[in-house]
Amino acid sequence: MDHFTHPNALCESSQIGAGTRVWAFAHVLPQARIGGECNICDHVFIENDVVIGDRVTIKCGVQVWDGVRIEDDVFVGPNVTFTNDLFPRSKQYPEAFGRTTIQSGASLGANATILPGITVGRNAMVGAGAVVTRSVPPNAIVVGNPARITGYVDAAARTVAASDPQQGIRAPGVTSTSVRGVTLHTLRAVPDMRGSLSVGEFEREIPFKPARYFIVYDVPTAETRGEHAHHKCHQFLVAVKGEVSVVADDGLKREEFKLDKPSVGIYLPAMTWGIQYRYSADAVLLVFASDYYDGADYIRDHAEFLRLKLGDASRA
């Protein structure tokens, strides 16, 4: 036997990977599949229709029910609660249990509750005690009941340059970022007792000529938009009213920016994963796009985006 089972554990499955440790009072049913180098702690119960990847840690007091899939390198904290039936009744069973997937690298904090039929995305972090009622995007940090996105893993916050003390406005200019090709733009602003004006010129301050624009407004503050990349389309975003946070991701680096003035914009080149969230109640986001709408230009799966970026890097 190439795995360890504590003498006080009941491990009925023969599908346990090398280097995995099953500790005291854990119970693993016969058809469960567990990968290598996992750590199954005390008082864990694992049902039959469960697949667990490699290097997974499941802390004490967790029950993993039929229909749960846990991918590689996942951390499941103490007393995390999985569910697999939205309408449970004693002795009444659904035709199929809800399929819940915890993708690779995700972490579930102590006492979190995961409803059935959802996906917790790659590298996401679920806070302690959170009640997760909807799927969690890759790299998102969620907390609360119901769980809401409060940030993104490894997305360093970028502060726009300080205001000019003479003019009370920021000096026009372009600031590079850690995300490849993404630039932060301070546009010209003209304050006046009659009102203020902000202006940008296409193919000068804004590095392309737009083929279309769209406006996002009346977004519930709990909602996240974007969550996609484009094969060819370039975009330029300005919060003409209120505040919006933008996360830009090139597959290697991730950075977060706050758009809070009509004179501040962000340029997202093609093949940049973009997310917009933390909308203020009055937020109005103006987006200029370099191309007409084409559904085939969208990349909506972050894993597919990473695969394409890796392919681009190998050809470079």
Protein backbone atom coordinates (compact mmCIF):
# COMPACT_ATOMS: atom_id res chain seq x y z
CA MET A 1 0.00 0.00 0.00
CA ASP A 2 1.50 3.35 -1.10
CA HIS A 3 -0.73 5.56 1.07
CA PHE A 4 -1.24 5.86 4.83
CA THR A 5 -4.48 5.02 6.62
CA HIS A 6 -4.67 5.56 10.36
CA PRO A 7 -5.70 2.44 12.32
CA ASN A 8 -8.82 4.27 13.52
CA ALA A 9 -9.90 5.36 10.02
CA LEU A 10 -12.34 3.41 7.83
CA CYS A 11 -11.09 3.61 4.24
CA GLU A 12 -13.18 1.32 2.01
CA SER A 13 -11.90 2.71 -1.31
CA SER A 14 -9.06 1.09 -3.23
CA GLN A 15 -8.68 4.21 -5.41
CA ILE A 16 -6.34 6.21 -3.21
CA GLY A 17 -3.24 7.86 -4.70
CA ALA A 18 0.34 7.48 -3.58
CA GLY A 19 1.40 9.55 -0.60
CA THR A 20 -2.13 10.34 0.57
CA ARG A 21 -2.80 10.24 4.33
CA VAL A 22 -6.19 9.36 5.80
CA TRP A 23 -6.31 10.22 9.48
CA ALA A 24 -8.26 8.94 12.51
CA PHE A 25 -12.05 8.59 12.38
CA ALA A 26 -12.23 9.52 8.68
CA HIS A 27 -14.60 7.38 6.60
CA VAL A 28 -14.08 6.96 2.84
CA LEU A 29 -16.76 4.99 0.93
CA PRO A 30 -15.78 2.29 -1.61
CA GLN A 31 -16.28 4.16 -4.90
CA ALA A 32 -14.65 7.45 -3.90
CA ARG A 33 -11.53 8.42 -5.84
CA ILE A 34 -8.75 10.36 -4.13
CA GLY A 35 -5.53 11.47 -5.81
CA GLY A 36 -1.96 11.46 -4.56
CA GLU A 37 -0.35 13.42 -1.72
CA CYS A 38 -3.69 14.43 -0.20
CA ASN A 39 -4.29 15.03 3.50
CA ILE A 40 -7.67 13.78 4.75
CA CYS A 41 -7.94 14.90 8.37
CA ASP A 42 -9.87 13.56 11.36
CA HIS A 43 -13.65 13.12 11.18
CA VAL A 44 -13.91 13.61 7.40
CA PHE A 45 -16.62 11.67 5.54
CA ILE A 46 -16.30 11.10 1.78
CA GLU A 47 -19.26 9.61 -0.10
CA ASN A 48 -19.14 7.35 -3.21
CA ASP A 49 -19.65 9.71 -6.16
CA VAL A 50 -16.73 11.95 -5.21
CA VAL A 51 -13.55 12.64 -7.16
CA ILE A 52 -10.65 14.40 -5.42
CA GLY A 53 -7.47 15.47 -7.24
CA ASP A 54 -3.86 15.56 -6.13
CA ARG A 55 -2.37 17.51 -3.19
CA VAL A 56 -5.78 18.35 -1.71
CA THR A 57 -6.10 19.17 1.98
CA ILE A 58 -9.44 18.48 3.68
CA LYS A 59 -9.41 19.63 7.30
CA CYS A 60 -11.40 18.16 10.20
CA GLY A 61 -15.18 17.89 10.26
CA VAL A 62 -15.89 18.05 6.51
CA GLN A 63 -18.45 15.86 4.71
CA VAL A 64 -17.97 15.52 0.96
CA TRP A 65 -21.23 14.30 -0.57
CA ASP A 66 -22.10 12.61 -3.86
CA GLY A 67 -21.64 14.91 -6.87
CA VAL A 68 -18.69 16.89 -5.51
CA ARG A 69 -15.55 17.23 -7.63
CA ILE A 70 -12.43 18.72 -6.04
CA GLU A 71 -9.53 19.43 -8.38
CA ASP A 72 -5.78 19.57 -7.65
CA ASP A 73 -4.20 21.74 -4.92
CA VAL A 74 -7.47 22.72 -3.24
CA PHE A 75 -7.65 23.63 0.47
CA VAL A 76 -10.91 22.80 2.28
CA GLY A 77 -10.99 24.38 5.74
CA PRO A 78 -12.42 22.96 8.97
CA ASN A 79 -16.16 22.25 8.98
CA VAL A 80 -16.78 23.40 5.41
CA THR A 81 -20.28 22.25 4.46
CA PHE A 82 -21.00 20.86 1.00
CA THR A 83 -24.61 20.32 -0.09
CA ASN A 84 -25.99 18.37 -3.07
CA ASP A 85 -29.78 18.80 -2.96
CA LEU A 86 -31.56 22.17 -3.09
CA PHE A 87 -34.85 20.70 -1.84
CA PRO A 88 -33.94 17.88 0.57
CA ARG A 89 -36.64 15.63 2.00
CA SER A 90 -36.14 12.58 4.19
CA LYS A 91 -36.15 9.38 2.10
CA GLN A 92 -36.84 11.33 -1.10
CA TYR A 93 -33.92 11.36 -3.52
CA PRO A 94 -33.44 13.40 -6.71
CA GLU A 95 -32.75 11.65 -10.01
CA ALA A 96 -29.25 13.11 -9.88
CA PHE A 97 -27.44 15.09 -7.22
CA GLY A 98 -26.19 18.58 -8.04
CA ARG A 99 -22.65 18.66 -9.43
CA THR A 100 -20.34 20.96 -7.48
CA THR A 101 -16.82 21.63 -8.75
CA ILE A 102 -14.00 23.22 -6.79
CA GLN A 103 -11.37 24.08 -9.38
CA SER A 104 -7.62 23.77 -8.95
CA GLY A 105 -5.90 26.00 -6.41
CA ALA A 106 -9.09 27.26 -4.74
CA SER A 107 -9.36 27.67 -0.96
CA LEU A 108 -12.53 27.30 1.13
CA GLY A 109 -12.37 28.98 4.54
CA ALA A 110 -13.57 27.41 7.79
CA ASN A 111 -17.34 26.91 8.12
CA ALA A 112 -18.08 28.06 4.55
CA THR A 113 -21.27 26.59 3.04
CA ILE A 114 -21.25 25.61 -0.64
CA LEU A 115 -24.64 25.17 -2.33
CA PRO A 116 -25.04 22.44 -4.97
CA GLY A 117 -24.54 22.85 -8.69
CA ILE A 118 -22.00 25.66 -8.55
CA THR A 119 -18.35 26.04 -9.53
CA VAL A 120 -15.70 27.72 -7.40
CA GLY A 121 -13.19 28.94 -9.96
CA ARG A 122 -9.47 28.36 -10.21
CA ASN A 123 -7.44 30.00 -7.39
CA ALA A 124 -10.56 31.60 -5.88
CA MET A 125 -10.74 32.21 -2.12
CA VAL A 126 -13.94 31.73 -0.12
CA GLY A 127 -13.89 33.49 3.23
CA ALA A 128 -14.61 31.81 6.55
CA GLY A 129 -18.33 31.42 7.16
CA ALA A 130 -19.33 32.52 3.66
CA VAL A 131 -22.51 31.07 2.15
CA VAL A 132 -21.80 30.53 -1.54
CA THR A 133 -25.06 30.54 -3.53
CA ARG A 134 -23.66 31.24 -7.01
CA SER A 135 -20.57 30.21 -8.95
CA VAL A 136 -17.38 32.05 -8.03
CA PRO A 137 -15.18 33.37 -10.88
CA PRO A 138 -11.51 32.37 -11.11
CA ASN A 139 -9.23 34.30 -8.70
CA ALA A 140 -12.17 36.02 -6.96
CA ILE A 141 -12.27 36.60 -3.21
CA VAL A 142 -15.78 36.18 -1.77
CA VAL A 143 -17.12 36.72 1.76
CA GLY A 144 -20.45 37.06 3.53
CA ASN A 145 -23.96 35.61 3.39
CA PRO A 146 -24.76 35.42 0.57
CA ALA A 147 -21.16 35.53 -0.61
CA ARG A 148 -20.11 38.63 -2.59
CA ILE A 149 -16.93 39.43 -4.47
CA THR A 150 -14.70 41.78 -2.48
CA GLY A 151 -11.47 41.49 -4.45
CA TYR A 152 -9.26 39.36 -6.66
CA VAL A 153 -6.23 37.31 -5.69
CA ASP A 154 -2.87 38.94 -6.52
CA ALA A 155 -4.54 42.02 -8.04
CA ALA A 156 -2.40 44.83 -6.66
CA ALA A 157 -4.34 48.08 -6.35
CA ARG A 158 -3.05 50.94 -8.52
CA THR A 159 -3.48 54.52 -7.33
CA VAL A 160 -3.76 57.23 -9.95
CA ALA A 161 -1.20 60.03 -9.74
CA ALA A 162 -1.96 62.73 -7.18
CA SER A 163 -3.77 65.91 -8.14
CA ASP A 164 -1.89 68.98 -9.27
CA PRO A 165 -2.01 71.36 -6.24
CA GLN A 166 -2.01 74.40 -8.55
CA GLN A 167 -4.87 73.33 -10.78
CA GLY A 168 -6.72 70.91 -8.53
CA ILE A 169 -6.59 68.35 -11.36
CA ARG A 170 -4.21 65.64 -12.49
CA ALA A 171 -1.70 66.47 -15.20
CA PRO A 172 -2.48 64.71 -18.52
CA GLY A 173 -0.34 61.70 -19.29
CA VAL A 174 -0.05 57.95 -19.71
CA THR A 175 1.10 55.60 -16.95
CA SER A 176 2.37 52.13 -17.71
CA THR A 177 1.24 49.20 -15.56
CA SER A 178 2.54 45.77 -14.62
CA VAL A 179 -0.05 44.18 -16.95
CA ARG A 180 1.31 43.82 -20.46
CA GLY A 181 -0.05 46.48 -22.83
CA VAL A 182 -2.45 48.00 -20.28
CA THR A 183 -2.05 51.74 -19.72
CA LEU A 184 -3.73 54.21 -17.37
CA HIS A 185 -4.59 57.55 -18.95
CA THR A 186 -5.11 60.92 -17.30
CA LEU A 187 -7.03 63.00 -19.82
CA ARG A 188 -7.19 66.76 -20.05
CA ALA A 189 -9.64 68.31 -17.62
CA VAL A 190 -10.81 71.91 -17.72
CA PRO A 191 -12.61 73.09 -14.55
CA ASP A 192 -14.79 76.16 -14.84
CA MET A 193 -17.36 77.95 -12.69
CA ARG A 194 -19.88 77.04 -15.39
CA GLY A 195 -18.99 73.36 -15.17
CA SER A 196 -16.06 71.07 -15.93
CA LEU A 197 -14.95 69.45 -19.17
CA SER A 198 -12.79 66.41 -19.87
CA VAL A 199 -11.52 65.63 -23.37
CA GLY A 200 -9.54 62.90 -25.11
CA GLU A 201 -8.51 62.59 -28.75
CA PHE A 202 -8.63 59.25 -30.54
CA GLU A 203 -5.35 57.93 -31.91
CA ARG A 204 -3.58 60.52 -29.72
CA GLU A 205 -4.52 60.12 -26.04
CA ILE A 206 -6.75 57.12 -26.82
CA PRO A 207 -4.65 54.69 -28.88
CA PHE A 208 -7.23 53.57 -31.49
CA LYS A 209 -10.19 54.81 -33.50
CA PRO A 210 -13.44 53.37 -32.11
CA ALA A 211 -16.00 51.48 -34.17
CA ARG A 212 -18.57 51.41 -31.36
CA TYR A 213 -19.27 52.46 -27.80
CA PHE A 214 -21.49 51.14 -25.05
CA ILE A 215 -22.56 52.45 -21.66
CA VAL A 216 -23.03 50.38 -18.51
CA TYR A 217 -25.25 51.85 -15.79
CA ASP A 218 -27.79 50.91 -13.11
CA VAL A 219 -25.60 47.96 -12.11
CA PRO A 220 -26.43 46.47 -8.68
CA THR A 221 -23.34 47.06 -6.55
CA ALA A 222 -23.03 43.33 -5.79
CA GLU A 223 -22.70 42.43 -9.47
CA THR A 224 -19.55 41.82 -11.48
CA ARG A 225 -19.40 42.51 -15.22
CA GLY A 226 -16.80 41.85 -17.85
CA GLU A 227 -15.08 38.58 -16.95
CA HIS A 228 -13.84 38.03 -20.50
CA ALA A 229 -11.12 38.82 -23.02
CA HIS A 230 -11.17 39.58 -26.75
CA HIS A 231 -9.16 37.99 -29.54
CA LYS A 232 -8.90 41.24 -31.53
CA CYS A 233 -10.94 44.04 -29.98
CA HIS A 234 -9.26 46.84 -27.99
CA GLN A 235 -11.19 48.82 -25.37
CA PHE A 236 -10.92 52.13 -23.51
CA LEU A 237 -12.94 52.57 -20.31
CA VAL A 238 -13.97 55.79 -18.55
CA ALA A 239 -16.26 56.15 -15.52
CA VAL A 240 -18.14 59.28 -16.56
CA LYS A 241 -19.98 59.22 -13.24
CA GLY A 242 -19.40 57.46 -9.93
CA GLU A 243 -16.77 54.76 -9.31
CA VAL A 244 -15.91 51.44 -10.93
CA SER A 245 -13.01 49.09 -10.17
CA VAL A 246 -11.35 47.38 -13.13
CA VAL A 247 -9.14 44.29 -12.92
CA ALA A 248 -6.78 43.65 -15.85
CA ASP A 249 -5.03 40.29 -16.27
CA ASP A 250 -2.50 39.30 -18.95
CA GLY A 251 -2.20 35.68 -17.78
CA LEU A 252 0.89 36.39 -15.69
CA LYS A 253 0.23 39.70 -13.94
CA ARG A 254 -3.01 41.03 -12.48
CA GLU A 255 -3.69 44.58 -11.32
CA GLU A 256 -6.73 46.49 -10.07
CA PHE A 257 -7.57 50.09 -10.96
CA LYS A 258 -10.22 52.47 -9.66
CA LEU A 259 -11.90 54.70 -12.20
CA ASP A 260 -13.40 57.55 -10.21
CA LYS A 261 -13.20 60.65 -12.42
CA PRO A 262 -14.27 61.40 -16.02
CA SER A 263 -10.68 62.46 -16.71
CA VAL A 264 -9.22 59.02 -15.94
CA GLY A 265 -9.40 56.11 -18.39
CA ILE A 266 -7.82 52.70 -18.85
CA TYR A 267 -6.74 51.07 -22.10
CA LEU A 268 -7.20 47.30 -22.41
CA PRO A 269 -5.53 45.80 -25.49
CA ALA A 270 -6.71 42.60 -27.15
CA MET A 271 -6.00 39.37 -25.25
CA THR A 272 -6.38 41.06 -21.85
CA TRP A 273 -8.79 39.51 -19.35
CA GLY A 274 -10.96 42.33 -18.00
CA ILE A 275 -13.30 42.50 -15.00
CA GLN A 276 -15.42 45.41 -13.78
CA TYR A 277 -16.90 45.38 -10.29
CA ARG A 278 -17.46 47.53 -7.18
CA TYR A 279 -19.82 49.82 -9.05
CA SER A 280 -21.03 52.73 -6.97
CA ALA A 281 -24.80 53.20 -6.97
CA ASP A 282 -24.53 56.11 -9.42
CA ALA A 283 -21.81 54.64 -11.64
CA VAL A 284 -21.93 55.16 -15.41
CA LEU A 285 -19.17 53.38 -17.34
CA LEU A 286 -18.43 54.44 -20.93
CA VAL A 287 -16.55 51.90 -23.07
CA PHE A 288 -15.07 52.60 -26.52
CA ALA A 289 -14.34 49.51 -28.63
CA SER A 290 -12.08 49.24 -31.67
CA ASP A 291 -14.39 46.79 -33.49
CA TYR A 292 -18.05 46.15 -34.13
CA TYR A 293 -19.70 43.54 -31.93
CA ASP A 294 -18.70 39.97 -32.80
CA GLY A 295 -19.67 37.18 -30.42
CA ALA A 296 -16.88 34.98 -31.78
CA ASP A 297 -14.28 37.55 -30.63
CA TYR A 298 -15.09 36.92 -26.95
CA ILE A 299 -13.14 34.54 -24.72
CA ARG A 300 -15.38 33.84 -21.72
CA ASP A 301 -13.50 30.95 -20.09
CA HIS A 302 -10.45 32.04 -18.08
CA ALA A 303 -8.83 28.60 -18.50
CA GLU A 304 -9.18 28.90 -22.29
CA PHE A 305 -7.72 32.42 -22.09
CA LEU A 306 -4.68 31.06 -20.22
CA ARG A 307 -4.26 28.28 -22.80
CA LEU A 308 -4.31 30.80 -25.64
CA LYS A 309 -1.84 33.08 -23.86
CA LEU A 310 0.49 30.14 -23.26
CA GLY A 311 0.28 29.31 -26.97
CA ASP A 312 1.11 32.92 -27.90
CA ALA A 313 4.10 32.87 -25.55
CA SER A 314 5.45 29.63 -27.03
CA ARG A 315 5.29 31.11 -30.53
CA ALA A 316 7.02 34.34 -29.51
